[in-house]
Amino acid sequence: MSGGTERREEVVRIVLGALESLNEELDESARVNIGPTTPLFGPDAQLDSLSLVSVIVDVETALTIQWNLPISLTDDRAMSREISPFDDVATLTDYILELLQEISPEQPPVTAH
């Protein structure tokens, strides 16, 4: 398995983990269906704005711990994109991988799972 594939799998695990944590806080009837195509923002999203912020903060925290790098997902660059990096799990994963590549092209995660 290549380093890029491992990195992608780790980022997906972090994003899905943040959604799972959110679900633990929600009533059963309000829980989000979790998967790689889960909409995070927009008309099809199951998240309200507060839930999206919670997921983003959880993801940023986990990424910072995992790679020992400060990562901000809500900068001007993210907000000015034609396609929002918060559309769904896949677009968020791609955006995170792009940021990680710029910040630390070769650095593996700090901890292994």
C-alpha atoms as a PDB file:
ATOM      1  CA  MET A   1       0.000   0.000   0.000  1.00  0.00           C
ATOM      2  CA  SER A   2       1.414   3.373  -0.967  1.00  0.00           C
ATOM      3  CA  GLY A   3       1.961   6.263   1.450  1.00  0.00           C
ATOM      4  CA  GLY A   4      -0.662   8.326  -0.378  1.00  0.00           C
ATOM      5  CA  THR A   5      -3.247   5.572   0.015  1.00  0.00           C
ATOM      6  CA  GLU A   6      -2.399   5.175   3.693  1.00  0.00           C
ATOM      7  CA  ARG A   7      -2.640   8.919   4.204  1.00  0.00           C
ATOM      8  CA  ARG A   8      -6.029   9.024   2.447  1.00  0.00           C
ATOM      9  CA  GLU A   9      -7.335   6.140   4.566  1.00  0.00           C
ATOM     10  CA  GLU A  10      -6.181   7.864   7.749  1.00  0.00           C
ATOM     11  CA  VAL A  11      -7.853  11.155   6.770  1.00  0.00           C
ATOM     12  CA  VAL A  12     -11.101   9.351   5.915  1.00  0.00           C
ATOM     13  CA  ARG A  13     -10.914   7.559   9.275  1.00  0.00           C
ATOM     14  CA  ILE A  14     -10.544  10.916  11.046  1.00  0.00           C
ATOM     15  CA  VAL A  15     -13.447  12.552   9.195  1.00  0.00           C
ATOM     16  CA  LEU A  16     -15.747   9.567   9.709  1.00  0.00           C
ATOM     17  CA  GLY A  17     -14.671   9.414  13.356  1.00  0.00           C
ATOM     18  CA  ALA A  18     -15.722  13.043  13.831  1.00  0.00           C
ATOM     19  CA  LEU A  19     -19.124  12.209  12.345  1.00  0.00           C
ATOM     20  CA  GLU A  20     -19.421   9.193  14.642  1.00  0.00           C
ATOM     21  CA  SER A  21     -18.642  11.412  17.635  1.00  0.00           C
ATOM     22  CA  LEU A  22     -21.343  13.807  16.493  1.00  0.00           C
ATOM     23  CA  ASN A  23     -23.826  10.947  16.215  1.00  0.00           C
ATOM     24  CA  GLU A  24     -23.080   9.935  19.805  1.00  0.00           C
ATOM     25  CA  GLU A  25     -24.276  13.379  20.899  1.00  0.00           C
ATOM     26  CA  LEU A  26     -27.467  13.350  18.815  1.00  0.00           C
ATOM     27  CA  ASP A  27     -30.818  11.722  19.428  1.00  0.00           C
ATOM     28  CA  GLU A  28     -31.217   8.540  17.440  1.00  0.00           C
ATOM     29  CA  SER A  29     -33.737  10.185  15.107  1.00  0.00           C
ATOM     30  CA  ALA A  30     -31.285  13.006  14.274  1.00  0.00           C
ATOM     31  CA  ARG A  31     -28.217  10.854  13.582  1.00  0.00           C
ATOM     32  CA  VAL A  32     -26.319  11.248  10.338  1.00  0.00           C
ATOM     33  CA  ASN A  33     -25.827   8.416   7.850  1.00  0.00           C
ATOM     34  CA  ILE A  34     -22.058   8.028   7.753  1.00  0.00           C
ATOM     35  CA  GLY A  35     -20.025   7.116   4.689  1.00  0.00           C
ATOM     36  CA  PRO A  36     -17.635   8.504   2.077  1.00  0.00           C
ATOM     37  CA  THR A  37     -20.416  10.386   0.272  1.00  0.00           C
ATOM     38  CA  THR A  38     -22.122  11.804   3.370  1.00  0.00           C
ATOM     39  CA  PRO A  39     -23.182  15.384   2.503  1.00  0.00           C
ATOM     40  CA  LEU A  40     -21.762  17.859   5.029  1.00  0.00           C
ATOM     41  CA  PHE A  41     -22.946  21.170   3.600  1.00  0.00           C
ATOM     42  CA  GLY A  42     -25.615  22.302   1.169  1.00  0.00           C
ATOM     43  CA  PRO A  43     -29.192  21.326   0.428  1.00  0.00           C
ATOM     44  CA  ASP A  44     -28.623  17.574   0.875  1.00  0.00           C
ATOM     45  CA  ALA A  45     -26.686  17.877   4.124  1.00  0.00           C
ATOM     46  CA  GLN A  46     -28.001  16.226   7.251  1.00  0.00           C
ATOM     47  CA  LEU A  47     -25.922  18.542   9.443  1.00  0.00           C
ATOM     48  CA  ASP A  48     -27.003  21.907  10.761  1.00  0.00           C
ATOM     49  CA  SER A  49     -24.397  24.682  10.882  1.00  0.00           C
ATOM     50  CA  LEU A  50     -23.483  24.061  14.532  1.00  0.00           C
ATOM     51  CA  SER A  51     -22.968  20.345  13.857  1.00  0.00           C
ATOM     52  CA  LEU A  52     -20.763  21.127  10.855  1.00  0.00           C
ATOM     53  CA  VAL A  53     -18.620  23.458  12.975  1.00  0.00           C
ATOM     54  CA  SER A  54     -18.313  20.734  15.618  1.00  0.00           C
ATOM     55  CA  VAL A  55     -17.199  18.194  13.005  1.00  0.00           C
ATOM     56  CA  ILE A  56     -14.663  20.633  11.518  1.00  0.00           C
ATOM     57  CA  VAL A  57     -13.166  21.403  14.937  1.00  0.00           C
ATOM     58  CA  ASP A  58     -12.946  17.690  15.762  1.00  0.00           C
ATOM     59  CA  VAL A  59     -11.274  16.980  12.414  1.00  0.00           C
ATOM     60  CA  GLU A  60      -8.782  19.852  12.813  1.00  0.00           C
ATOM     61  CA  THR A  61      -7.903  18.674  16.315  1.00  0.00           C
ATOM     62  CA  ALA A  62      -7.410  15.063  15.222  1.00  0.00           C
ATOM     63  CA  LEU A  63      -5.298  16.103  12.215  1.00  0.00           C
ATOM     64  CA  THR A  64      -3.112  18.325  14.382  1.00  0.00           C
ATOM     65  CA  ILE A  65      -2.556  15.463  16.829  1.00  0.00           C
ATOM     66  CA  GLN A  66      -2.059  12.851  14.115  1.00  0.00           C
ATOM     67  CA  TRP A  67       0.495  14.795  12.048  1.00  0.00           C
ATOM     68  CA  ASN A  68       1.796  17.141  14.746  1.00  0.00           C
ATOM     69  CA  LEU A  69       1.036  20.062  12.422  1.00  0.00           C
ATOM     70  CA  PRO A  70      -1.388  22.943  12.904  1.00  0.00           C
ATOM     71  CA  ILE A  71      -4.113  22.598  10.275  1.00  0.00           C
ATOM     72  CA  SER A  72      -6.936  25.073   9.675  1.00  0.00           C
ATOM     73  CA  LEU A  73      -9.734  23.970   7.377  1.00  0.00           C
ATOM     74  CA  THR A  74     -11.748  27.203   7.415  1.00  0.00           C
ATOM     75  CA  ASP A  75      -9.366  29.733   5.952  1.00  0.00           C
ATOM     76  CA  ASP A  76     -10.142  32.184   3.131  1.00  0.00           C
ATOM     77  CA  ARG A  77      -8.854  29.710   0.595  1.00  0.00           C
ATOM     78  CA  ALA A  78     -11.415  27.089   1.607  1.00  0.00           C
ATOM     79  CA  MET A  79     -14.237  29.597   1.626  1.00  0.00           C
ATOM     80  CA  SER A  80     -13.410  31.043  -1.791  1.00  0.00           C
ATOM     81  CA  ARG A  81     -13.409  27.757  -3.717  1.00  0.00           C
ATOM     82  CA  GLU A  82     -15.961  27.230  -6.434  1.00  0.00           C
ATOM     83  CA  ILE A  83     -16.679  23.765  -5.015  1.00  0.00           C
ATOM     84  CA  SER A  84     -16.766  23.865  -1.235  1.00  0.00           C
ATOM     85  CA  PRO A  85     -14.402  21.455   0.517  1.00  0.00           C
ATOM     86  CA  PHE A  86     -17.294  20.869   2.921  1.00  0.00           C
ATOM     87  CA  ASP A  87     -19.745  19.470   0.349  1.00  0.00           C
ATOM     88  CA  ASP A  88     -19.248  15.889   1.501  1.00  0.00           C
ATOM     89  CA  VAL A  89     -16.760  13.543   3.127  1.00  0.00           C
ATOM     90  CA  ALA A  90     -14.910  12.970  -0.164  1.00  0.00           C
ATOM     91  CA  THR A  91     -14.397  16.686  -0.954  1.00  0.00           C
ATOM     92  CA  LEU A  92     -13.275  17.353   2.615  1.00  0.00           C
ATOM     93  CA  THR A  93     -10.849  14.429   2.429  1.00  0.00           C
ATOM     94  CA  ASP A  94      -9.410  15.726  -0.869  1.00  0.00           C
ATOM     95  CA  TYR A  95      -8.986  19.215   0.593  1.00  0.00           C
ATOM     96  CA  ILE A  96      -7.243  17.893   3.701  1.00  0.00           C
ATOM     97  CA  LEU A  97      -4.896  15.787   1.572  1.00  0.00           C
ATOM     98  CA  GLU A  98      -4.089  18.864  -0.524  1.00  0.00           C
ATOM     99  CA  LEU A  99      -3.247  20.833   2.649  1.00  0.00           C
ATOM    100  CA  LEU A 100      -1.161  17.998   4.082  1.00  0.00           C
ATOM    101  CA  GLN A 101       0.755  17.703   0.798  1.00  0.00           C
ATOM    102  CA  GLU A 102       1.595  21.413   0.924  1.00  0.00           C
ATOM    103  CA  ILE A 103       2.503  21.455   4.608  1.00  0.00           C
ATOM    104  CA  SER A 104       4.340  18.163   4.804  1.00  0.00           C
ATOM    105  CA  PRO A 105       4.604  16.163   1.585  1.00  0.00           C
ATOM    106  CA  GLU A 106       6.275  13.101   3.053  1.00  0.00           C
ATOM    107  CA  GLN A 107       5.485  13.168   6.753  1.00  0.00           C
ATOM    108  CA  PRO A 108       3.611  10.071   7.931  1.00  0.00           C
ATOM    109  CA  PRO A 109       1.118  10.212  10.778  1.00  0.00           C
ATOM    110  CA  VAL A 110       2.635  10.486  14.254  1.00  0.00           C
ATOM    111  CA  THR A 111       0.716   7.461  15.523  1.00  0.00           C
ATOM    112  CA  ALA A 112      -0.081   4.231  13.749  1.00  0.00           C
ATOM    113  CA  HIS A 113      -3.448   2.494  13.960  1.00  0.00           C
END
